Amino acid sequence: MSLSTWDYLTLLLLRPLFAIALVFLFIASGWYLAWKLVLVHVPLVQEIFGLKKKPVKPKPATRGRFSKFYSTLETQNSASK
């Protein structure tokens, strides 16, 4: 029994390519299911991928050492006048 050119092509090229594609498809679908069902809800994964937005608090007007220093100077100046 002799094999034709098409049989050699199928045996040597197409079968391995289909096998590799099937493996990648299996891995990708497993990752997608794991992502949608489990990984999205894990806080560490949310933080790494930037999925969890932290609430931004407005900064107070007197938040630092300099503002406290100058506010005490103003109260001292107004008290001395």
N, C-alpha and C. Protein backbone atom coordinates (compact mmCIF):
# COMPACT_ATOMS: atom_id res chain seq x y z
N MET A 1 0.84 -1.17 0.00
CA MET A 1 0.00 0.00 0.00
C MET A 1 0.88 1.24 0.00
N SER A 2 0.75 2.07 -1.01
CA SER A 2 1.58 3.28 -1.08
C SER A 2 0.73 4.50 -0.72
N LEU A 3 1.37 5.46 -0.10
CA LEU A 3 0.68 6.68 0.31
C LEU A 3 0.85 7.75 -0.77
N SER A 4 -0.19 8.50 -1.00
CA SER A 4 -0.12 9.58 -1.98
C SER A 4 0.50 10.82 -1.33
N THR A 5 0.70 11.83 -2.14
CA THR A 5 1.27 13.09 -1.64
C THR A 5 0.35 13.72 -0.61
N TRP A 6 -0.93 13.67 -0.87
CA TRP A 6 -1.89 14.24 0.08
C TRP A 6 -1.84 13.51 1.43
N ASP A 7 -1.66 12.22 1.41
CA ASP A 7 -1.56 11.46 2.65
C ASP A 7 -0.32 11.86 3.43
N TYR A 8 0.80 12.03 2.74
CA TYR A 8 2.02 12.49 3.41
C TYR A 8 1.85 13.88 4.00
N LEU A 9 1.21 14.78 3.23
CA LEU A 9 0.97 16.13 3.71
C LEU A 9 0.09 16.12 4.95
N THR A 10 -0.94 15.32 4.92
CA THR A 10 -1.83 15.21 6.08
C THR A 10 -1.11 14.62 7.28
N LEU A 11 -0.34 13.60 7.04
CA LEU A 11 0.34 12.92 8.14
C LEU A 11 1.44 13.78 8.76
N LEU A 12 2.20 14.49 7.93
CA LEU A 12 3.37 15.21 8.44
C LEU A 12 3.10 16.66 8.82
N LEU A 13 2.12 17.31 8.19
CA LEU A 13 1.91 18.72 8.47
C LEU A 13 0.58 19.02 9.15
N LEU A 14 -0.49 18.55 8.57
CA LEU A 14 -1.80 18.97 9.06
C LEU A 14 -2.16 18.35 10.40
N ARG A 15 -1.87 17.10 10.60
CA ARG A 15 -2.20 16.46 11.88
C ARG A 15 -1.48 17.12 13.06
N PRO A 16 -0.17 17.37 12.98
CA PRO A 16 0.47 18.07 14.11
C PRO A 16 -0.05 19.48 14.32
N LEU A 17 -0.34 20.19 13.23
CA LEU A 17 -0.88 21.54 13.38
C LEU A 17 -2.26 21.52 14.04
N PHE A 18 -3.10 20.60 13.65
CA PHE A 18 -4.41 20.49 14.29
C PHE A 18 -4.29 20.07 15.75
N ALA A 19 -3.34 19.21 16.05
CA ALA A 19 -3.14 18.79 17.44
C ALA A 19 -2.67 19.96 18.30
N ILE A 20 -1.74 20.75 17.79
CA ILE A 20 -1.25 21.91 18.53
C ILE A 20 -2.36 22.94 18.69
N ALA A 21 -3.13 23.16 17.64
CA ALA A 21 -4.25 24.10 17.73
C ALA A 21 -5.28 23.64 18.74
N LEU A 22 -5.54 22.35 18.79
CA LEU A 22 -6.51 21.82 19.75
C LEU A 22 -6.01 22.00 21.19
N VAL A 23 -4.73 21.79 21.41
CA VAL A 23 -4.17 21.97 22.75
C VAL A 23 -4.26 23.44 23.17
N PHE A 24 -3.89 24.36 22.26
CA PHE A 24 -3.99 25.78 22.58
C PHE A 24 -5.44 26.21 22.83
N LEU A 25 -6.36 25.67 22.06
CA LEU A 25 -7.76 25.98 22.27
C LEU A 25 -8.24 25.47 23.63
N PHE A 26 -7.82 24.29 24.01
CA PHE A 26 -8.18 23.73 25.31
C PHE A 26 -7.62 24.58 26.45
N ILE A 27 -6.36 24.99 26.34
CA ILE A 27 -5.74 25.83 27.38
C ILE A 27 -6.42 27.18 27.45
N ALA A 28 -6.70 27.79 26.30
CA ALA A 28 -7.34 29.12 26.27
C ALA A 28 -8.75 29.07 26.84
N SER A 29 -9.51 28.04 26.51
CA SER A 29 -10.86 27.95 27.06
C SER A 29 -10.83 27.68 28.56
N GLY A 30 -9.88 26.90 29.03
CA GLY A 30 -9.74 26.68 30.47
C GLY A 30 -9.37 27.96 31.20
N TRP A 31 -8.46 28.73 30.62
CA TRP A 31 -8.07 30.01 31.22
C TRP A 31 -9.25 30.97 31.24
N TYR A 32 -10.01 31.02 30.17
CA TYR A 32 -11.18 31.91 30.09
C TYR A 32 -12.20 31.55 31.17
N LEU A 33 -12.49 30.26 31.30
CA LEU A 33 -13.44 29.83 32.34
C LEU A 33 -12.92 30.14 33.74
N ALA A 34 -11.64 29.89 33.99
CA ALA A 34 -11.07 30.19 35.30
C ALA A 34 -11.11 31.68 35.57
N TRP A 35 -10.85 32.48 34.54
CA TRP A 35 -10.86 33.94 34.70
C TRP A 35 -12.26 34.42 35.04
N LYS A 36 -13.24 33.97 34.29
CA LYS A 36 -14.61 34.45 34.49
C LYS A 36 -15.22 33.94 35.79
N LEU A 37 -14.88 32.72 36.19
CA LEU A 37 -15.53 32.13 37.35
C LEU A 37 -14.81 32.40 38.66
N VAL A 38 -13.47 32.45 38.65
CA VAL A 38 -12.74 32.50 39.90
C VAL A 38 -11.82 33.70 40.00
N LEU A 39 -10.96 33.87 39.00
CA LEU A 39 -9.85 34.81 39.14
C LEU A 39 -10.29 36.27 39.23
N VAL A 40 -11.40 36.61 38.64
CA VAL A 40 -11.86 37.99 38.68
C VAL A 40 -12.22 38.41 40.10
N HIS A 41 -12.59 37.46 40.92
CA HIS A 41 -13.05 37.76 42.28
C HIS A 41 -11.92 37.73 43.31
N VAL A 42 -10.71 37.39 42.91
CA VAL A 42 -9.58 37.33 43.83
C VAL A 42 -8.99 38.74 43.96
N PRO A 43 -8.89 39.29 45.18
CA PRO A 43 -8.42 40.68 45.33
C PRO A 43 -7.01 40.90 44.80
N LEU A 44 -6.11 39.94 44.95
CA LEU A 44 -4.75 40.11 44.46
C LEU A 44 -4.74 40.25 42.94
N VAL A 45 -5.51 39.44 42.26
CA VAL A 45 -5.59 39.51 40.79
C VAL A 45 -6.23 40.82 40.37
N GLN A 46 -7.23 41.27 41.10
CA GLN A 46 -7.87 42.55 40.80
C GLN A 46 -6.88 43.69 40.91
N GLU A 47 -6.03 43.63 41.93
CA GLU A 47 -5.05 44.69 42.13
C GLU A 47 -3.97 44.67 41.05
N ILE A 48 -3.52 43.48 40.67
CA ILE A 48 -2.47 43.36 39.66
C ILE A 48 -2.95 43.88 38.31
N PHE A 49 -4.16 43.51 37.91
CA PHE A 49 -4.67 43.88 36.60
C PHE A 49 -5.41 45.21 36.60
N GLY A 50 -5.48 45.88 37.74
CA GLY A 50 -6.13 47.18 37.80
C GLY A 50 -7.64 47.12 37.64
N LEU A 51 -8.26 46.04 38.09
CA LEU A 51 -9.70 45.90 37.95
C LEU A 51 -10.45 46.56 39.09
N LYS A 52 -9.79 46.71 40.21
CA LYS A 52 -10.44 47.26 41.39
C LYS A 52 -10.05 48.73 41.50
N LYS A 53 -11.01 49.59 41.31
CA LYS A 53 -10.74 51.02 41.40
C LYS A 53 -10.86 51.47 42.84
N LYS A 54 -9.81 52.10 43.34
CA LYS A 54 -9.83 52.60 44.70
C LYS A 54 -10.55 53.95 44.71
N PRO A 55 -11.39 54.18 45.70
CA PRO A 55 -12.07 55.48 45.76
C PRO A 55 -11.06 56.59 46.06
N VAL A 56 -11.20 57.68 45.33
CA VAL A 56 -10.28 58.80 45.49
C VAL A 56 -10.89 59.78 46.46
N LYS A 57 -10.19 60.02 47.56
CA LYS A 57 -10.66 60.98 48.54
C LYS A 57 -10.07 62.34 48.21
N PRO A 58 -10.85 63.39 48.29
CA PRO A 58 -10.27 64.72 48.06
C PRO A 58 -9.31 65.08 49.19
N LYS A 59 -8.22 65.72 48.83
CA LYS A 59 -7.22 66.08 49.83
C LYS A 59 -7.68 67.32 50.59
N PRO A 60 -7.51 67.31 51.90
CA PRO A 60 -7.92 68.48 52.68
C PRO A 60 -7.00 69.67 52.41
N ALA A 61 -7.53 70.85 52.63
CA ALA A 61 -6.76 72.07 52.35
C ALA A 61 -5.55 72.17 53.28
N THR A 62 -5.72 71.77 54.53
CA THR A 62 -4.61 71.83 55.49
C THR A 62 -4.16 70.40 55.77
N ARG A 63 -3.28 69.90 54.93
CA ARG A 63 -2.90 68.50 55.08
C ARG A 63 -1.45 68.31 55.48
N GLY A 64 -0.61 69.32 55.36
CA GLY A 64 0.81 69.10 55.59
C GLY A 64 1.37 69.95 56.71
N ARG A 65 2.65 69.79 56.94
CA ARG A 65 3.33 70.51 58.00
C ARG A 65 3.35 72.01 57.73
N PHE A 66 3.56 72.40 56.47
CA PHE A 66 3.67 73.82 56.16
C PHE A 66 2.35 74.54 56.38
N SER A 67 1.25 73.94 56.01
CA SER A 67 -0.05 74.59 56.21
C SER A 67 -0.34 74.73 57.70
N LYS A 68 0.04 73.73 58.50
CA LYS A 68 -0.16 73.85 59.94
C LYS A 68 0.74 74.94 60.52
N PHE A 69 1.96 75.02 60.04
CA PHE A 69 2.90 76.03 60.52
C PHE A 69 2.38 77.43 60.21
N TYR A 70 1.94 77.64 58.96
CA TYR A 70 1.46 78.96 58.59
C TYR A 70 0.14 79.30 59.25
N SER A 71 -0.68 78.32 59.51
CA SER A 71 -1.94 78.62 60.21
C SER A 71 -1.67 79.02 61.65
N THR A 72 -0.65 78.40 62.29
CA THR A 72 -0.32 78.83 63.65
C THR A 72 0.30 80.22 63.64
N LEU A 73 1.08 80.55 62.62
CA LEU A 73 1.62 81.91 62.51
C LEU A 73 0.50 82.94 62.34
N GLU A 74 -0.48 82.61 61.54
CA GLU A 74 -1.60 83.53 61.33
C GLU A 74 -2.39 83.74 62.61
N THR A 75 -2.60 82.67 63.37
CA THR A 75 -3.34 82.84 64.62
C THR A 75 -2.52 83.64 65.62
N GLN A 76 -1.21 83.47 65.63
CA GLN A 76 -0.36 84.25 66.54
C GLN A 76 -0.35 85.72 66.13
N ASN A 77 -0.28 85.98 64.83
CA ASN A 77 -0.29 87.36 64.34
C ASN A 77 -1.62 88.05 64.62
N SER A 78 -2.69 87.33 64.44
CA SER A 78 -4.00 87.95 64.69
C SER A 78 -4.24 88.14 66.19
N ALA A 79 -3.65 87.28 67.01
CA ALA A 79 -3.81 87.41 68.46
C ALA A 79 -2.96 88.56 68.99
N SER A 80 -1.80 88.81 68.38
CA SER A 80 -0.92 89.87 68.86
C SER A 80 -1.40 91.25 68.42
N LYS A 81 -2.25 91.35 67.42
CA LYS A 81 -2.73 92.66 66.95
C LYS A 81 -3.86 93.19 67.76
